[in-house]
Amino acid sequence: MAINRFLLGSVFVCCLVATCYANILFSSLKPTLTVTANHKEGVLKAGVDNVTVTWMLDSSMPAGTDSSYKTIKVKLCYAPVSQVDRGWRKTKDDLTKDKTCSHKIVAKPYVAGGAVATATWTVQRDVPTAKYFVRAYAHDAADKEVAYGQTTSADKKTNLFDVEAVTGRHASLDIASICFSAFSVVSLFGFFFLERRKTKIAEAK
């Protein structure tokens, strides 16, 4: 009898632990946040241009929807077109394995009551060339994702923007390269001129 109770207790504890530590699936989250991203027109340059992100509780949500929200974590996410043949950017329903949103933008405490929050972020130098959108996750007190919102549609094909990565070349390096090339050409012509002059002097003697 005691053994049976022990086994039952062990099973209960295991189930409780599994529940507490179960991975969160993106498909289980509700899109309760309204998220927008403002930036300049055209391609954004990594390390230079800014994105201003705004988020708040969707006004159509019933009162109390955000009662468990404690933190908002905003991320830069790859659009599907920039995930093709790139396994390291692959979308997974299990958020612990999902690589869609690999770049952190900001994390802020959630302000309840539908208040508008905003953050301006400079595109980091390590962000690669790709098409992106912005997604915000609402986290509870246990730091688990409980809801989200994003700047694009459900199929992630609208309101996308492009980022151009840092190439590793700088204007100062280009200028130095041009100057060095010009110096080399001038030196080459100078060398030939001196050689011809020496030859003429030798022939005159």
N, C-alpha and C. Protein backbone atom coordinates (compact mmCIF):
# COMPACT_ATOMS: atom_id res chain seq x y z
N MET A 1 0.84 -1.21 0.00
CA MET A 1 0.00 0.00 0.00
C MET A 1 0.87 1.25 0.00
N ALA A 2 1.87 1.22 0.85
CA ALA A 2 2.78 2.36 0.96
C ALA A 2 3.51 2.58 -0.35
N ILE A 3 3.87 1.46 -1.00
CA ILE A 3 4.59 1.55 -2.28
C ILE A 3 3.70 2.19 -3.35
N ASN A 4 2.41 1.78 -3.36
CA ASN A 4 1.47 2.36 -4.33
C ASN A 4 1.33 3.86 -4.13
N ARG A 5 1.23 4.28 -2.86
CA ARG A 5 1.12 5.71 -2.57
C ARG A 5 2.37 6.46 -3.03
N PHE A 6 3.52 5.83 -2.81
CA PHE A 6 4.78 6.44 -3.22
C PHE A 6 4.83 6.61 -4.74
N LEU A 7 4.40 5.54 -5.45
CA LEU A 7 4.40 5.60 -6.91
C LEU A 7 3.45 6.67 -7.43
N LEU A 8 2.25 6.72 -6.82
CA LEU A 8 1.28 7.72 -7.23
C LEU A 8 1.81 9.13 -6.97
N GLY A 9 2.46 9.29 -5.81
CA GLY A 9 3.04 10.59 -5.48
C GLY A 9 4.14 10.98 -6.44
N SER A 10 4.94 10.00 -6.83
CA SER A 10 6.03 10.26 -7.77
C SER A 10 5.49 10.69 -9.13
N VAL A 11 4.44 9.98 -9.58
CA VAL A 11 3.82 10.32 -10.86
C VAL A 11 3.25 11.73 -10.82
N PHE A 12 2.59 12.08 -9.71
CA PHE A 12 2.01 13.42 -9.56
C PHE A 12 3.08 14.49 -9.62
N VAL A 13 4.18 14.26 -8.91
CA VAL A 13 5.28 15.23 -8.90
C VAL A 13 5.87 15.38 -10.30
N CYS A 14 6.05 14.27 -10.99
CA CYS A 14 6.62 14.32 -12.35
C CYS A 14 5.71 15.10 -13.29
N CYS A 15 4.41 14.86 -13.15
CA CYS A 15 3.46 15.58 -14.01
C CYS A 15 3.47 17.06 -13.70
N LEU A 16 3.59 17.39 -12.42
CA LEU A 16 3.62 18.79 -12.01
C LEU A 16 4.86 19.48 -12.55
N VAL A 17 6.02 18.80 -12.46
CA VAL A 17 7.27 19.35 -12.98
C VAL A 17 7.19 19.53 -14.48
N ALA A 18 6.64 18.53 -15.17
CA ALA A 18 6.51 18.61 -16.62
C ALA A 18 5.64 19.77 -17.04
N THR A 19 4.57 20.00 -16.25
CA THR A 19 3.67 21.12 -16.55
C THR A 19 4.37 22.45 -16.36
N CYS A 20 5.14 22.57 -15.29
CA CYS A 20 5.82 23.82 -14.97
C CYS A 20 6.88 24.15 -16.00
N TYR A 21 7.53 23.14 -16.51
CA TYR A 21 8.65 23.35 -17.41
C TYR A 21 8.33 23.02 -18.87
N ALA A 22 7.06 22.85 -19.19
CA ALA A 22 6.68 22.54 -20.56
C ALA A 22 7.04 23.71 -21.47
N ASN A 23 7.53 23.38 -22.65
CA ASN A 23 7.90 24.42 -23.60
C ASN A 23 6.65 25.11 -24.13
N ILE A 24 6.77 26.41 -24.37
CA ILE A 24 5.66 27.19 -24.88
C ILE A 24 5.61 27.08 -26.40
N LEU A 25 4.42 26.83 -26.94
CA LEU A 25 4.23 26.76 -28.39
C LEU A 25 3.69 28.09 -28.88
N PHE A 26 4.24 28.58 -29.98
CA PHE A 26 3.79 29.85 -30.52
C PHE A 26 2.30 29.78 -30.88
N SER A 27 1.88 28.63 -31.37
CA SER A 27 0.49 28.45 -31.78
C SER A 27 -0.49 28.56 -30.61
N SER A 28 0.03 28.45 -29.38
CA SER A 28 -0.84 28.54 -28.21
C SER A 28 -1.04 29.98 -27.74
N LEU A 29 -0.26 30.91 -28.31
CA LEU A 29 -0.33 32.31 -27.88
C LEU A 29 -1.39 33.07 -28.67
N LYS A 30 -2.03 34.03 -28.01
CA LYS A 30 -3.01 34.87 -28.67
C LYS A 30 -2.40 36.22 -29.04
N PRO A 31 -2.73 36.74 -30.24
CA PRO A 31 -2.19 38.04 -30.66
C PRO A 31 -2.97 39.19 -30.05
N THR A 32 -2.67 39.51 -28.81
CA THR A 32 -3.43 40.52 -28.06
C THR A 32 -2.78 41.90 -28.08
N LEU A 33 -1.59 42.01 -28.66
CA LEU A 33 -0.88 43.29 -28.66
C LEU A 33 -0.92 43.93 -30.05
N THR A 34 -1.03 45.24 -30.06
CA THR A 34 -0.91 46.01 -31.30
C THR A 34 0.51 46.57 -31.35
N VAL A 35 1.23 46.25 -32.41
CA VAL A 35 2.64 46.65 -32.52
C VAL A 35 2.86 47.38 -33.84
N THR A 36 3.56 48.50 -33.79
CA THR A 36 3.92 49.24 -35.00
C THR A 36 5.41 49.56 -34.97
N ALA A 37 5.99 49.73 -36.15
CA ALA A 37 7.41 50.08 -36.26
C ALA A 37 7.56 51.21 -37.28
N ASN A 38 8.16 52.29 -36.85
CA ASN A 38 8.39 53.43 -37.74
C ASN A 38 9.87 53.57 -38.03
N HIS A 39 10.19 53.84 -39.29
CA HIS A 39 11.58 53.98 -39.70
C HIS A 39 11.61 54.75 -41.01
N LYS A 40 12.78 55.08 -41.48
CA LYS A 40 12.90 55.83 -42.72
C LYS A 40 12.47 54.97 -43.91
N GLU A 41 12.18 55.63 -45.01
CA GLU A 41 11.84 54.91 -46.23
C GLU A 41 13.09 54.25 -46.82
N GLY A 42 12.88 53.13 -47.50
CA GLY A 42 14.00 52.46 -48.16
C GLY A 42 14.73 51.51 -47.24
N VAL A 43 15.92 51.14 -47.65
CA VAL A 43 16.73 50.15 -46.93
C VAL A 43 17.40 50.78 -45.71
N LEU A 44 17.32 50.09 -44.57
CA LEU A 44 17.96 50.55 -43.34
C LEU A 44 19.38 50.00 -43.29
N LYS A 45 20.30 50.83 -42.85
CA LYS A 45 21.70 50.41 -42.75
C LYS A 45 22.03 50.01 -41.32
N ALA A 46 22.57 48.80 -41.18
CA ALA A 46 22.96 48.30 -39.86
C ALA A 46 24.02 49.21 -39.24
N GLY A 47 23.85 49.50 -37.96
CA GLY A 47 24.80 50.35 -37.25
C GLY A 47 24.56 51.83 -37.44
N VAL A 48 23.56 52.19 -38.26
CA VAL A 48 23.31 53.60 -38.58
C VAL A 48 21.86 54.01 -38.31
N ASP A 49 20.93 53.31 -38.92
CA ASP A 49 19.52 53.73 -38.89
C ASP A 49 18.75 53.19 -37.68
N ASN A 50 17.66 53.89 -37.37
CA ASN A 50 16.85 53.56 -36.19
C ASN A 50 15.47 53.03 -36.57
N VAL A 51 14.90 52.26 -35.64
CA VAL A 51 13.52 51.80 -35.73
C VAL A 51 12.83 52.17 -34.43
N THR A 52 11.70 52.85 -34.53
CA THR A 52 10.92 53.21 -33.34
C THR A 52 9.73 52.28 -33.25
N VAL A 53 9.67 51.51 -32.18
CA VAL A 53 8.62 50.50 -31.99
C VAL A 53 7.62 50.98 -30.94
N THR A 54 6.35 50.81 -31.24
CA THR A 54 5.28 51.17 -30.30
C THR A 54 4.39 49.95 -30.09
N TRP A 55 3.98 49.72 -28.84
CA TRP A 55 3.10 48.59 -28.55
C TRP A 55 2.11 48.95 -27.45
N MET A 56 0.99 48.26 -27.49
CA MET A 56 -0.05 48.43 -26.47
C MET A 56 -1.04 47.28 -26.58
N LEU A 57 -1.89 47.13 -25.60
CA LEU A 57 -2.91 46.09 -25.65
C LEU A 57 -3.93 46.45 -26.73
N ASP A 58 -4.29 45.47 -27.55
CA ASP A 58 -5.29 45.68 -28.59
C ASP A 58 -6.58 46.18 -27.93
N SER A 59 -7.11 47.27 -28.46
CA SER A 59 -8.30 47.89 -27.87
C SER A 59 -9.54 47.00 -27.93
N SER A 60 -9.51 45.97 -28.77
CA SER A 60 -10.67 45.07 -28.87
C SER A 60 -10.65 43.97 -27.82
N MET A 61 -9.57 43.88 -27.05
CA MET A 61 -9.46 42.83 -26.04
C MET A 61 -10.31 43.17 -24.81
N PRO A 62 -10.93 42.18 -24.20
CA PRO A 62 -11.76 42.43 -23.00
C PRO A 62 -10.90 42.81 -21.80
N ALA A 63 -11.51 43.48 -20.85
CA ALA A 63 -10.81 43.89 -19.63
C ALA A 63 -10.25 42.67 -18.91
N GLY A 64 -9.04 42.81 -18.40
CA GLY A 64 -8.41 41.71 -17.67
C GLY A 64 -7.56 40.81 -18.52
N THR A 65 -7.57 41.02 -19.84
CA THR A 65 -6.76 40.18 -20.75
C THR A 65 -5.30 40.21 -20.36
N ASP A 66 -4.83 41.38 -19.94
CA ASP A 66 -3.39 41.57 -19.65
C ASP A 66 -3.05 41.42 -18.18
N SER A 67 -3.91 40.78 -17.42
CA SER A 67 -3.69 40.69 -15.97
C SER A 67 -2.41 39.95 -15.59
N SER A 68 -1.96 39.05 -16.46
CA SER A 68 -0.75 38.27 -16.14
C SER A 68 0.51 38.84 -16.80
N TYR A 69 0.37 39.89 -17.58
CA TYR A 69 1.51 40.45 -18.30
C TYR A 69 2.42 41.22 -17.34
N LYS A 70 3.68 40.90 -17.36
CA LYS A 70 4.65 41.58 -16.49
C LYS A 70 5.75 42.28 -17.28
N THR A 71 6.15 41.67 -18.40
CA THR A 71 7.26 42.21 -19.20
C THR A 71 6.93 42.08 -20.68
N ILE A 72 7.37 43.06 -21.44
CA ILE A 72 7.27 43.00 -22.90
C ILE A 72 8.67 42.89 -23.47
N LYS A 73 8.89 41.87 -24.29
CA LYS A 73 10.18 41.69 -24.96
C LYS A 73 9.96 41.84 -26.46
N VAL A 74 10.63 42.83 -27.04
CA VAL A 74 10.48 43.14 -28.45
C VAL A 74 11.67 42.59 -29.23
N LYS A 75 11.40 41.95 -30.36
CA LYS A 75 12.46 41.32 -31.13
C LYS A 75 12.35 41.63 -32.62
N LEU A 76 13.50 41.59 -33.28
CA LEU A 76 13.57 41.73 -34.73
C LEU A 76 13.51 40.33 -35.33
N CYS A 77 12.62 40.13 -36.30
CA CYS A 77 12.36 38.78 -36.80
C CYS A 77 12.54 38.69 -38.32
N TYR A 78 13.02 37.55 -38.77
CA TYR A 78 13.21 37.31 -40.20
C TYR A 78 11.87 37.06 -40.89
N ALA A 79 11.69 37.66 -42.05
CA ALA A 79 10.53 37.35 -42.88
C ALA A 79 10.77 36.01 -43.57
N PRO A 80 9.71 35.30 -43.94
CA PRO A 80 9.87 33.97 -44.58
C PRO A 80 10.80 33.98 -45.78
N VAL A 81 10.75 35.02 -46.59
CA VAL A 81 11.59 35.07 -47.79
C VAL A 81 13.08 35.06 -47.44
N SER A 82 13.43 35.51 -46.24
CA SER A 82 14.83 35.54 -45.82
C SER A 82 15.19 34.33 -44.96
N GLN A 83 14.27 33.36 -44.87
CA GLN A 83 14.54 32.12 -44.13
C GLN A 83 14.78 30.94 -45.06
N VAL A 84 14.50 31.13 -46.34
CA VAL A 84 14.63 30.04 -47.31
C VAL A 84 16.07 29.54 -47.38
N ASP A 85 16.25 28.22 -47.25
CA ASP A 85 17.56 27.57 -47.31
C ASP A 85 18.52 28.05 -46.22
N ARG A 86 17.96 28.56 -45.13
CA ARG A 86 18.78 29.03 -44.01
C ARG A 86 18.24 28.38 -42.73
N GLY A 87 18.70 27.19 -42.45
CA GLY A 87 18.21 26.44 -41.30
C GLY A 87 18.40 27.15 -39.98
N TRP A 88 19.42 27.99 -39.89
CA TRP A 88 19.70 28.69 -38.63
C TRP A 88 18.69 29.82 -38.38
N ARG A 89 17.78 30.06 -39.34
CA ARG A 89 16.73 31.06 -39.17
C ARG A 89 15.34 30.41 -39.16
N LYS A 90 15.28 29.11 -39.08
CA LYS A 90 14.05 28.37 -39.29
C LYS A 90 13.01 28.62 -38.20
N THR A 91 11.75 28.68 -38.63
CA THR A 91 10.64 28.87 -37.70
C THR A 91 10.21 27.54 -37.10
N LYS A 92 10.06 27.51 -35.78
CA LYS A 92 9.58 26.33 -35.06
C LYS A 92 8.45 26.76 -34.15
N ASP A 93 7.46 25.91 -34.00
CA ASP A 93 6.33 26.23 -33.11
C ASP A 93 6.80 26.28 -31.66
N ASP A 94 7.73 25.40 -31.31
CA ASP A 94 8.33 25.39 -29.97
C ASP A 94 9.25 26.62 -29.86
N LEU A 95 8.90 27.55 -28.99
CA LEU A 95 9.64 28.81 -28.91
C LEU A 95 11.08 28.63 -28.42
N THR A 96 11.37 27.53 -27.76
CA THR A 96 12.76 27.29 -27.33
C THR A 96 13.64 26.90 -28.52
N LYS A 97 13.01 26.49 -29.62
CA LYS A 97 13.75 26.07 -30.81
C LYS A 97 13.56 27.03 -31.98
N ASP A 98 12.66 27.97 -31.82
CA ASP A 98 12.34 28.90 -32.90
C ASP A 98 13.49 29.88 -33.13
N LYS A 99 13.86 30.07 -34.41
CA LYS A 99 14.96 30.97 -34.78
C LYS A 99 14.46 32.19 -35.56
N THR A 100 13.14 32.36 -35.61
CA THR A 100 12.59 33.47 -36.38
C THR A 100 13.03 34.82 -35.86
N CYS A 101 12.97 34.98 -34.55
CA CYS A 101 13.26 36.27 -33.93
C CYS A 101 14.55 36.17 -33.10
N SER A 102 15.67 36.32 -33.78
CA SER A 102 16.97 36.09 -33.14
C SER A 102 17.63 37.35 -32.60
N HIS A 103 17.04 38.51 -32.88
CA HIS A 103 17.69 39.76 -32.48
C HIS A 103 16.82 40.53 -31.48
N LYS A 104 17.34 40.72 -30.29
CA LYS A 104 16.62 41.44 -29.24
C LYS A 104 16.64 42.94 -29.52
N ILE A 105 15.49 43.56 -29.39
CA ILE A 105 15.40 45.01 -29.53
C ILE A 105 15.36 45.67 -28.16
N VAL A 106 14.38 45.28 -27.33
CA VAL A 106 14.28 45.87 -25.99
C VAL A 106 13.38 45.00 -25.12
N ALA A 107 13.54 45.12 -23.81
CA ALA A 107 12.65 44.48 -22.83
C ALA A 107 12.26 45.54 -21.82
N LYS A 108 10.95 45.66 -21.58
CA LYS A 108 10.46 46.68 -20.66
C LYS A 108 9.32 46.13 -19.82
N PRO A 109 9.17 46.65 -18.59
CA PRO A 109 8.03 46.24 -17.77
C PRO A 109 6.73 46.63 -18.47
N TYR A 110 5.74 45.79 -18.36
CA TYR A 110 4.45 46.07 -19.00
C TYR A 110 3.64 47.04 -18.16
N VAL A 111 3.06 48.03 -18.82
CA VAL A 111 2.19 48.99 -18.16
C VAL A 111 0.74 48.59 -18.45
N ALA A 112 0.03 48.17 -17.42
CA ALA A 112 -1.33 47.66 -17.60
C ALA A 112 -2.31 48.76 -18.01
N GLY A 113 -3.45 48.32 -18.49
CA GLY A 113 -4.51 49.27 -18.82
C GLY A 113 -4.48 49.79 -20.23
N GLY A 114 -3.74 49.13 -21.10
CA GLY A 114 -3.72 49.56 -22.49
C GLY A 114 -2.85 50.77 -22.77
N ALA A 115 -1.97 51.11 -21.85
CA ALA A 115 -1.08 52.25 -22.05
C ALA A 115 -0.12 52.00 -23.22
N VAL A 116 0.19 53.07 -23.95
CA VAL A 116 1.09 52.96 -25.10
C VAL A 116 2.53 53.05 -24.61
N ALA A 117 3.38 52.14 -25.09
CA ALA A 117 4.80 52.16 -24.76
C ALA A 117 5.60 52.24 -26.05
N THR A 118 6.79 52.82 -25.97
CA THR A 118 7.59 52.99 -27.17
C THR A 118 9.07 52.85 -26.86
N ALA A 119 9.84 52.51 -27.88
CA ALA A 119 11.30 52.40 -27.74
C ALA A 119 11.94 52.64 -29.10
N THR A 120 13.04 53.37 -29.10
CA THR A 120 13.79 53.61 -30.34
C THR A 120 15.07 52.81 -30.28
N TRP A 121 15.33 52.05 -31.33
CA TRP A 121 16.44 51.10 -31.37
C TRP A 121 17.27 51.33 -32.62
N THR A 122 18.57 51.38 -32.44
CA THR A 122 19.48 51.47 -33.58
C THR A 122 19.78 50.06 -34.07
N VAL A 123 19.58 49.81 -35.34
CA VAL A 123 19.85 48.50 -35.92
C VAL A 123 21.31 48.14 -35.64
N GLN A 124 21.51 47.02 -34.97
CA GLN A 124 22.86 46.65 -34.55
C GLN A 124 23.75 46.24 -35.73
N ARG A 125 25.05 46.40 -35.54
CA ARG A 125 26.01 46.14 -36.62
C ARG A 125 26.08 44.67 -37.01
N ASP A 126 25.62 43.77 -36.11
CA ASP A 126 25.70 42.34 -36.42
C ASP A 126 24.43 41.81 -37.10
N VAL A 127 23.49 42.70 -37.40
CA VAL A 127 22.26 42.28 -38.08
C VAL A 127 22.56 42.05 -39.56
N PRO A 128 22.29 40.86 -40.08
CA PRO A 128 22.60 40.56 -41.49
C PRO A 128 21.59 41.14 -42.47
N THR A 129 21.98 41.20 -43.71
CA THR A 129 21.08 41.67 -44.77
C THR A 129 19.90 40.71 -44.90
N ALA A 130 18.68 41.26 -44.82
CA ALA A 130 17.48 40.42 -44.91
C ALA A 130 16.24 41.31 -44.85
N LYS A 131 15.07 40.68 -45.03
CA LYS A 131 13.80 41.35 -44.81
C LYS A 131 13.31 40.99 -43.41
N TYR A 132 12.75 41.97 -42.71
CA TYR A 132 12.38 41.78 -41.31
C TYR A 132 11.00 42.33 -40.98
N PHE A 133 10.52 41.90 -39.80
CA PHE A 133 9.36 42.53 -39.15
C PHE A 133 9.68 42.54 -37.66
N VAL A 134 8.81 43.16 -36.88
CA VAL A 134 9.03 43.27 -35.44
C VAL A 134 7.91 42.53 -34.71
N ARG A 135 8.29 41.79 -33.67
CA ARG A 135 7.32 41.08 -32.84
C ARG A 135 7.58 41.39 -31.37
N ALA A 136 6.49 41.53 -30.62
CA ALA A 136 6.59 41.76 -29.17
C ALA A 136 5.91 40.62 -28.44
N TYR A 137 6.60 40.06 -27.45
CA TYR A 137 6.04 39.00 -26.62
C TYR A 137 5.71 39.55 -25.24
N ALA A 138 4.55 39.18 -24.72
CA ALA A 138 4.19 39.50 -23.34
C ALA A 138 4.59 38.30 -22.48
N HIS A 139 5.34 38.57 -21.40
CA HIS A 139 5.79 37.51 -20.49
C HIS A 139 5.11 37.66 -19.14
N ASP A 140 4.87 36.53 -18.49
CA ASP A 140 4.25 36.57 -17.16
C ASP A 140 5.33 36.65 -16.07
N ALA A 141 4.92 36.50 -14.81
CA ALA A 141 5.84 36.61 -13.69
C ALA A 141 6.91 35.53 -13.71
N ALA A 142 6.62 34.39 -14.35
CA ALA A 142 7.59 33.30 -14.46
C ALA A 142 8.46 33.46 -15.72
N ASP A 143 8.33 34.58 -16.40
CA ASP A 143 9.08 34.90 -17.62
C ASP A 143 8.71 33.96 -18.77
N LYS A 144 7.48 33.49 -18.77
CA LYS A 144 6.97 32.66 -19.86
C LYS A 144 6.16 33.52 -20.83
N GLU A 145 6.29 33.23 -22.13
CA GLU A 145 5.50 33.95 -23.12
C GLU A 145 4.02 33.58 -22.97
N VAL A 146 3.17 34.60 -22.92
CA VAL A 146 1.74 34.34 -22.76
C VAL A 146 0.90 35.00 -23.87
N ALA A 147 1.50 35.90 -24.64
CA ALA A 147 0.79 36.56 -25.73
C ALA A 147 1.81 37.26 -26.62
N TYR A 148 1.33 37.78 -27.74
CA TYR A 148 2.26 38.47 -28.63
C TYR A 148 1.52 39.46 -29.52
N GLY A 149 2.29 40.20 -30.28
CA GLY A 149 1.77 41.09 -31.32
C GLY A 149 2.90 41.33 -32.29
N GLN A 150 2.60 41.63 -33.54
CA GLN A 150 3.65 41.84 -34.52
C GLN A 150 3.23 42.87 -35.56
N THR A 151 4.23 43.41 -36.25
CA THR A 151 3.97 44.48 -37.21
C THR A 151 3.49 43.97 -38.56
N THR A 152 3.50 42.68 -38.75
CA THR A 152 3.12 42.09 -40.03
C THR A 152 1.85 41.25 -39.89
N SER A 153 1.37 40.75 -41.00
CA SER A 153 0.18 39.89 -41.01
C SER A 153 0.52 38.49 -40.51
N ALA A 154 -0.50 37.65 -40.36
CA ALA A 154 -0.29 36.28 -39.87
C ALA A 154 0.63 35.48 -40.78
N ASP A 155 0.58 35.74 -42.09
CA ASP A 155 1.44 35.01 -43.02
C ASP A 155 2.81 35.68 -43.19
N LYS A 156 3.01 36.78 -42.46
CA LYS A 156 4.31 37.48 -42.41
C LYS A 156 4.78 37.95 -43.80
N LYS A 157 3.84 38.56 -44.55
CA LYS A 157 4.18 39.02 -45.89
C LYS A 157 3.95 40.52 -46.10
N THR A 158 3.40 41.20 -45.09
CA THR A 158 3.12 42.63 -45.23
C THR A 158 3.95 43.44 -44.23
N ASN A 159 4.11 44.73 -44.54
CA ASN A 159 4.83 45.66 -43.65
C ASN A 159 6.23 45.18 -43.30
N LEU A 160 6.91 44.61 -44.27
CA LEU A 160 8.29 44.17 -44.06
C LEU A 160 9.24 45.30 -44.41
N PHE A 161 10.44 45.25 -43.86
CA PHE A 161 11.45 46.24 -44.22
C PHE A 161 12.81 45.57 -44.39
N ASP A 162 13.66 46.22 -45.17
CA ASP A 162 14.97 45.66 -45.50
C ASP A 162 16.07 46.28 -44.67
N VAL A 163 17.04 45.45 -44.31
CA VAL A 163 18.24 45.91 -43.61
C VAL A 163 19.46 45.51 -44.44
N GLU A 164 20.36 46.45 -44.60
CA GLU A 164 21.62 46.17 -45.29
C GLU A 164 22.72 46.03 -44.26
N ALA A 165 23.41 44.90 -44.27
CA ALA A 165 24.44 44.62 -43.27
C ALA A 165 25.67 45.49 -43.46
N VAL A 166 26.46 45.58 -42.41
CA VAL A 166 27.75 46.26 -42.49
C VAL A 166 28.65 45.44 -43.40
N THR A 167 29.28 46.08 -44.37
CA THR A 167 30.11 45.35 -45.34
C THR A 167 31.52 45.12 -44.84
N GLY A 168 31.92 45.86 -43.82
CA GLY A 168 33.29 45.74 -43.32
C GLY A 168 34.23 46.74 -43.95
N ARG A 169 33.73 47.49 -44.94
CA ARG A 169 34.53 48.52 -45.59
C ARG A 169 34.08 49.89 -45.10
N HIS A 170 35.03 50.79 -44.94
CA HIS A 170 34.73 52.15 -44.51
C HIS A 170 35.27 53.13 -45.53
N ALA A 171 34.69 54.32 -45.55
CA ALA A 171 35.10 55.34 -46.51
C ALA A 171 36.58 55.67 -46.38
N SER A 172 37.08 55.73 -45.14
CA SER A 172 38.49 56.07 -44.93
C SER A 172 39.41 55.04 -45.55
N LEU A 173 38.99 53.76 -45.48
CA LEU A 173 39.80 52.69 -46.09
C LEU A 173 39.78 52.79 -47.60
N ASP A 174 38.62 53.12 -48.15
CA ASP A 174 38.52 53.28 -49.60
C ASP A 174 39.39 54.44 -50.09
N ILE A 175 39.37 55.55 -49.35
CA ILE A 175 40.19 56.71 -49.73
C ILE A 175 41.67 56.35 -49.67
N ALA A 176 42.06 55.65 -48.61
CA ALA A 176 43.46 55.26 -48.45
C ALA A 176 43.89 54.33 -49.59
N SER A 177 42.97 53.43 -49.98
CA SER A 177 43.28 52.50 -51.07
C SER A 177 43.47 53.24 -52.38
N ILE A 178 42.61 54.24 -52.64
CA ILE A 178 42.72 55.01 -53.87
C ILE A 178 44.02 55.80 -53.90
N CYS A 179 44.36 56.42 -52.76
CA CYS A 179 45.60 57.20 -52.67
C CYS A 179 46.83 56.32 -52.89
N PHE A 180 46.79 55.12 -52.30
CA PHE A 180 47.92 54.22 -52.45
C PHE A 180 48.06 53.77 -53.91
N SER A 181 46.93 53.50 -54.56
CA SER A 181 46.97 53.09 -55.96
C SER A 181 47.52 54.21 -56.84
N ALA A 182 47.08 55.44 -56.58
CA ALA A 182 47.57 56.58 -57.35
C ALA A 182 49.06 56.77 -57.15
N PHE A 183 49.51 56.63 -55.89
CA PHE A 183 50.93 56.77 -55.58
C PHE A 183 51.75 55.71 -56.31
N SER A 184 51.19 54.50 -56.36
CA SER A 184 51.90 53.41 -57.04
C SER A 184 52.06 53.69 -58.53
N VAL A 185 51.01 54.23 -59.16
CA VAL A 185 51.06 54.55 -60.59
C VAL A 185 52.08 55.64 -60.86
N VAL A 186 52.05 56.70 -60.02
CA VAL A 186 53.01 57.81 -60.18
C VAL A 186 54.43 57.31 -59.99
N SER A 187 54.64 56.46 -59.00
CA SER A 187 55.98 55.92 -58.74
C SER A 187 56.47 55.09 -59.91
N LEU A 188 55.55 54.33 -60.54
CA LEU A 188 55.91 53.48 -61.67
C LEU A 188 56.37 54.33 -62.86
N PHE A 189 55.58 55.38 -63.14
CA PHE A 189 55.96 56.28 -64.23
C PHE A 189 57.28 56.98 -63.93
N GLY A 190 57.47 57.37 -62.67
CA GLY A 190 58.72 58.02 -62.28
C GLY A 190 59.91 57.10 -62.46
N PHE A 191 59.73 55.82 -62.13
CA PHE A 191 60.80 54.84 -62.28
C PHE A 191 61.21 54.69 -63.74
N PHE A 192 60.20 54.56 -64.63
CA PHE A 192 60.50 54.43 -66.06
C PHE A 192 61.18 55.69 -66.61
N PHE A 193 60.75 56.86 -66.15
CA PHE A 193 61.33 58.12 -66.61
C PHE A 193 62.81 58.20 -66.23
N LEU A 194 63.11 57.83 -64.98
CA LEU A 194 64.49 57.87 -64.52
C LEU A 194 65.36 56.86 -65.27
N GLU A 195 64.80 55.68 -65.54
CA GLU A 195 65.55 54.66 -66.25
C GLU A 195 65.86 55.10 -67.67
N ARG A 196 64.89 55.70 -68.34
CA ARG A 196 65.11 56.18 -69.71
C ARG A 196 66.14 57.32 -69.72
N ARG A 197 66.08 58.16 -68.72
CA ARG A 197 67.04 59.27 -68.65
C ARG A 197 68.45 58.75 -68.46
N LYS A 198 68.58 57.74 -67.58
CA LYS A 198 69.91 57.15 -67.35
C LYS A 198 70.44 56.50 -68.62
N THR A 199 69.51 55.87 -69.35
CA THR A 199 69.91 55.20 -70.61
C THR A 199 70.40 56.23 -71.63
N LYS A 200 69.69 57.34 -71.75
CA LYS A 200 70.06 58.39 -72.69
C LYS A 200 71.43 58.99 -72.34
N ILE A 201 71.63 59.22 -71.03
CA ILE A 201 72.91 59.80 -70.57
C ILE A 201 74.07 58.84 -70.90
N ALA A 202 73.79 57.53 -70.67
CA ALA A 202 74.83 56.52 -70.94
C ALA A 202 75.14 56.46 -72.42
N GLU A 203 74.11 56.54 -73.27
CA GLU A 203 74.34 56.50 -74.72
C GLU A 203 75.06 57.76 -75.23
N ALA A 204 74.79 58.89 -74.58
CA ALA A 204 75.46 60.14 -74.98
C ALA A 204 76.95 60.10 -74.70
N LYS A 205 77.33 59.37 -73.67
CA LYS A 205 78.76 59.25 -73.32
C LYS A 205 79.48 58.30 -74.31
